[in-house]
């Protein structure tokens, strides 16, 4: 499914309660590492928008609250401006992460300039 660029999209992110990242991060108080949460969000955005995120970079990301096993996660993303996708991730009423993606700058020769492309995680 692809959506118009400016459309706001809502979807669920399902993280199994037995995801291996919970086991080692942290004993007796398992939380999902931010990198794992971001990876899941990027895959969902890529799939919903029908785009290849290797041509994009992470412009910003903030992790505001912990994701625990069993949390139901809701992702919302929109592209209100050309070349920018903004996203938020909620667990119930808690905002757990937000950020934005931007198209990678392309010099005349072709390779992106600046931050690593999103797809190299």
C-alpha atoms as a PDB file:
ATOM      1  CA  UNK A   1       0.000   0.000   0.000  1.00  0.00           C
ATOM      2  CA  UNK A   2       1.320   3.440  -0.871  1.00  0.00           C
ATOM      3  CA  UNK A   3      -0.130   6.710   0.346  1.00  0.00           C
ATOM      4  CA  UNK A   4      -0.012  10.272  -0.940  1.00  0.00           C
ATOM      5  CA  UNK A   5       3.067  12.082   0.340  1.00  0.00           C
ATOM      6  CA  UNK A   6       1.192  14.532   2.571  1.00  0.00           C
ATOM      7  CA  UNK A   7      -1.226  11.973   4.045  1.00  0.00           C
ATOM      8  CA  UNK A   8      -0.979  11.101   7.722  1.00  0.00           C
ATOM      9  CA  UNK A   9      -0.697   7.364   8.304  1.00  0.00           C
ATOM     10  CA  UNK A  10      -1.450   5.482  11.529  1.00  0.00           C
ATOM     11  CA  UNK A  11      -0.274   1.923  12.085  1.00  0.00           C
ATOM     12  CA  UNK A  12       0.594  -0.471  14.870  1.00  0.00           C
ATOM     13  CA  UNK A  13       4.104  -1.639  15.628  1.00  0.00           C
ATOM     14  CA  UNK A  14       4.092  -5.119  17.092  1.00  0.00           C
ATOM     15  CA  UNK A  15       7.113  -6.087  19.188  1.00  0.00           C
ATOM     16  CA  UNK A  16       6.901  -9.663  20.504  1.00  0.00           C
ATOM     17  CA  UNK A  17       7.140  -9.862  24.290  1.00  0.00           C
ATOM     18  CA  UNK A  18       9.966 -12.371  23.854  1.00  0.00           C
ATOM     19  CA  UNK A  19      11.970 -10.138  21.467  1.00  0.00           C
ATOM     20  CA  UNK A  20      15.673 -10.891  22.132  1.00  0.00           C
ATOM     21  CA  UNK A  21      16.459  -7.208  22.779  1.00  0.00           C
ATOM     22  CA  UNK A  22      14.374  -7.281  25.966  1.00  0.00           C
ATOM     23  CA  UNK A  23      16.474 -10.082  27.495  1.00  0.00           C
ATOM     24  CA  UNK A  24      19.723  -8.143  27.624  1.00  0.00           C
ATOM     25  CA  UNK A  25      18.418  -4.618  28.067  1.00  0.00           C
ATOM     26  CA  UNK A  26      18.041  -4.573  31.197  1.00  0.00           C
ATOM     27  CA  UNK A  27      17.810  -7.602  33.490  1.00  0.00           C
ATOM     28  CA  UNK A  28      14.765  -7.400  35.801  1.00  0.00           C
ATOM     29  CA  UNK A  29      13.569  -4.206  34.025  1.00  0.00           C
ATOM     30  CA  UNK A  30      13.373  -5.035  30.311  1.00  0.00           C
ATOM     31  CA  UNK A  31      13.070  -2.118  27.883  1.00  0.00           C
ATOM     32  CA  UNK A  32      13.304  -2.047  24.113  1.00  0.00           C
ATOM     33  CA  UNK A  33      16.502  -0.308  22.965  1.00  0.00           C
ATOM     34  CA  UNK A  34      15.877   2.859  20.973  1.00  0.00           C
ATOM     35  CA  UNK A  35      17.725   1.454  17.952  1.00  0.00           C
ATOM     36  CA  UNK A  36      15.348  -1.522  17.800  1.00  0.00           C
ATOM     37  CA  UNK A  37      12.297   0.735  18.111  1.00  0.00           C
ATOM     38  CA  UNK A  38      13.613   3.064  15.405  1.00  0.00           C
ATOM     39  CA  UNK A  39      14.344   0.120  13.095  1.00  0.00           C
ATOM     40  CA  UNK A  40      10.756  -1.140  13.433  1.00  0.00           C
ATOM     41  CA  UNK A  41       9.371   2.343  12.769  1.00  0.00           C
ATOM     42  CA  UNK A  42      11.539   2.825   9.685  1.00  0.00           C
ATOM     43  CA  UNK A  43      10.405  -0.495   8.208  1.00  0.00           C
ATOM     44  CA  UNK A  44       6.756   0.443   8.810  1.00  0.00           C
ATOM     45  CA  UNK A  45       7.190   3.883   7.209  1.00  0.00           C
ATOM     46  CA  UNK A  46       8.999   2.411   4.220  1.00  0.00           C
ATOM     47  CA  UNK A  47       6.288  -0.191   3.696  1.00  0.00           C
ATOM     48  CA  UNK A  48       3.328   2.179   4.130  1.00  0.00           C
ATOM     49  CA  UNK A  49       4.730   4.874   1.865  1.00  0.00           C
ATOM     50  CA  UNK A  50       6.169   2.512  -0.744  1.00  0.00           C
ATOM     51  CA  UNK A  51       9.537   4.254  -0.667  1.00  0.00           C
ATOM     52  CA  UNK A  52      13.138   3.124  -0.339  1.00  0.00           C
ATOM     53  CA  UNK A  53      14.583   4.774   2.760  1.00  0.00           C
ATOM     54  CA  UNK A  54      18.162   4.222   1.633  1.00  0.00           C
ATOM     55  CA  UNK A  55      17.757   7.615  -0.068  1.00  0.00           C
ATOM     56  CA  UNK A  56      16.809   9.254   3.248  1.00  0.00           C
ATOM     57  CA  UNK A  57      18.616  10.202   6.455  1.00  0.00           C
ATOM     58  CA  UNK A  58      17.498  10.478  10.057  1.00  0.00           C
ATOM     59  CA  UNK A  59      17.285  14.226  10.625  1.00  0.00           C
ATOM     60  CA  UNK A  60      16.254  13.928  14.272  1.00  0.00           C
ATOM     61  CA  UNK A  61      14.988  11.406  16.795  1.00  0.00           C
ATOM     62  CA  UNK A  62      14.102  11.682  20.488  1.00  0.00           C
ATOM     63  CA  UNK A  63      13.256   8.845  22.848  1.00  0.00           C
ATOM     64  CA  UNK A  64      11.030  10.180  25.628  1.00  0.00           C
ATOM     65  CA  UNK A  65       9.836   7.089  27.483  1.00  0.00           C
ATOM     66  CA  UNK A  66      10.641   3.382  27.827  1.00  0.00           C
ATOM     67  CA  UNK A  67       8.959   0.678  25.762  1.00  0.00           C
ATOM     68  CA  UNK A  68       8.285  -2.378  27.917  1.00  0.00           C
ATOM     69  CA  UNK A  69       7.249  -5.904  26.878  1.00  0.00           C
ATOM     70  CA  UNK A  70       3.543  -5.931  26.065  1.00  0.00           C
ATOM     71  CA  UNK A  71       3.295  -2.218  25.212  1.00  0.00           C
ATOM     72  CA  UNK A  72       0.931  -1.627  22.280  1.00  0.00           C
ATOM     73  CA  UNK A  73       2.735   0.826  20.016  1.00  0.00           C
ATOM     74  CA  UNK A  74       1.049   3.212  17.599  1.00  0.00           C
ATOM     75  CA  UNK A  75       3.068   4.900  14.844  1.00  0.00           C
ATOM     76  CA  UNK A  76       1.902   8.040  13.071  1.00  0.00           C
ATOM     77  CA  UNK A  77       3.833   9.583  10.198  1.00  0.00           C
ATOM     78  CA  UNK A  78       3.160  12.395   7.776  1.00  0.00           C
ATOM     79  CA  UNK A  79       5.056  14.234   5.078  1.00  0.00           C
ATOM     80  CA  UNK A  80       3.662  17.776   5.295  1.00  0.00           C
ATOM     81  CA  UNK A  81       6.697  19.347   3.623  1.00  0.00           C
ATOM     82  CA  UNK A  82       8.539  18.246   0.523  1.00  0.00           C
ATOM     83  CA  UNK A  83      11.454  16.047   1.488  1.00  0.00           C
ATOM     84  CA  UNK A  84      10.544  15.603   5.177  1.00  0.00           C
ATOM     85  CA  UNK A  85       8.672  12.808   6.979  1.00  0.00           C
ATOM     86  CA  UNK A  86       7.751  13.435  10.621  1.00  0.00           C
ATOM     87  CA  UNK A  87       6.811  10.569  12.934  1.00  0.00           C
ATOM     88  CA  UNK A  88       5.631   9.884  16.469  1.00  0.00           C
ATOM     89  CA  UNK A  89       5.347   6.631  18.401  1.00  0.00           C
ATOM     90  CA  UNK A  90       2.915   6.264  21.311  1.00  0.00           C
ATOM     91  CA  UNK A  91       2.379   3.511  23.873  1.00  0.00           C
ATOM     92  CA  UNK A  92      -1.198   4.136  25.018  1.00  0.00           C
ATOM     93  CA  UNK A  93      -1.253   7.861  25.925  1.00  0.00           C
ATOM     94  CA  UNK A  94       2.543   8.060  26.428  1.00  0.00           C
ATOM     95  CA  UNK A  95       4.703   9.606  23.710  1.00  0.00           C
ATOM     96  CA  UNK A  96       7.734   7.290  23.568  1.00  0.00           C
ATOM     97  CA  UNK A  97       9.569   8.632  20.492  1.00  0.00           C
ATOM     98  CA  UNK A  98       9.413  11.249  17.768  1.00  0.00           C
ATOM     99  CA  UNK A  99      11.590  12.277  14.896  1.00  0.00           C
ATOM    100  CA  UNK A 100      11.958  13.231  11.294  1.00  0.00           C
ATOM    101  CA  UNK A 101      13.499  11.859   8.132  1.00  0.00           C
ATOM    102  CA  UNK A 102      14.886  13.981   5.305  1.00  0.00           C
ATOM    103  CA  UNK A 103      15.935  13.178   1.783  1.00  0.00           C
ATOM    104  CA  UNK A 104      19.692  12.688   1.640  1.00  0.00           C
ATOM    105  CA  UNK A 105      21.502  15.461  -0.236  1.00  0.00           C
ATOM    106  CA  UNK A 106      22.779  14.261  -3.594  1.00  0.00           C
ATOM    107  CA  UNK A 107      25.928  15.904  -5.000  1.00  0.00           C
ATOM    108  CA  UNK A 108      26.475  15.988  -8.765  1.00  0.00           C
ATOM    109  CA  UNK A 109      28.414  12.689  -8.548  1.00  0.00           C
ATOM    110  CA  UNK A 110      25.568  10.755  -6.915  1.00  0.00           C
ATOM    111  CA  UNK A 111      26.496   9.554  -3.394  1.00  0.00           C
ATOM    112  CA  UNK A 112      24.583  11.101  -0.458  1.00  0.00           C
ATOM    113  CA  UNK A 113      26.324  13.762   1.608  1.00  0.00           C
ATOM    114  CA  UNK A 114      26.105  14.070   5.389  1.00  0.00           C
ATOM    115  CA  UNK A 115      24.591  11.515   7.760  1.00  0.00           C
ATOM    116  CA  UNK A 116      24.484   7.822   6.965  1.00  0.00           C
ATOM    117  CA  UNK A 117      21.468   6.776   4.893  1.00  0.00           C
ATOM    118  CA  UNK A 118      18.582   5.289   6.853  1.00  0.00           C
ATOM    119  CA  UNK A 119      18.894   1.852   5.226  1.00  0.00           C
ATOM    120  CA  UNK A 120      22.421   1.244   6.577  1.00  0.00           C
ATOM    121  CA  UNK A 121      21.260   0.436  10.125  1.00  0.00           C
END
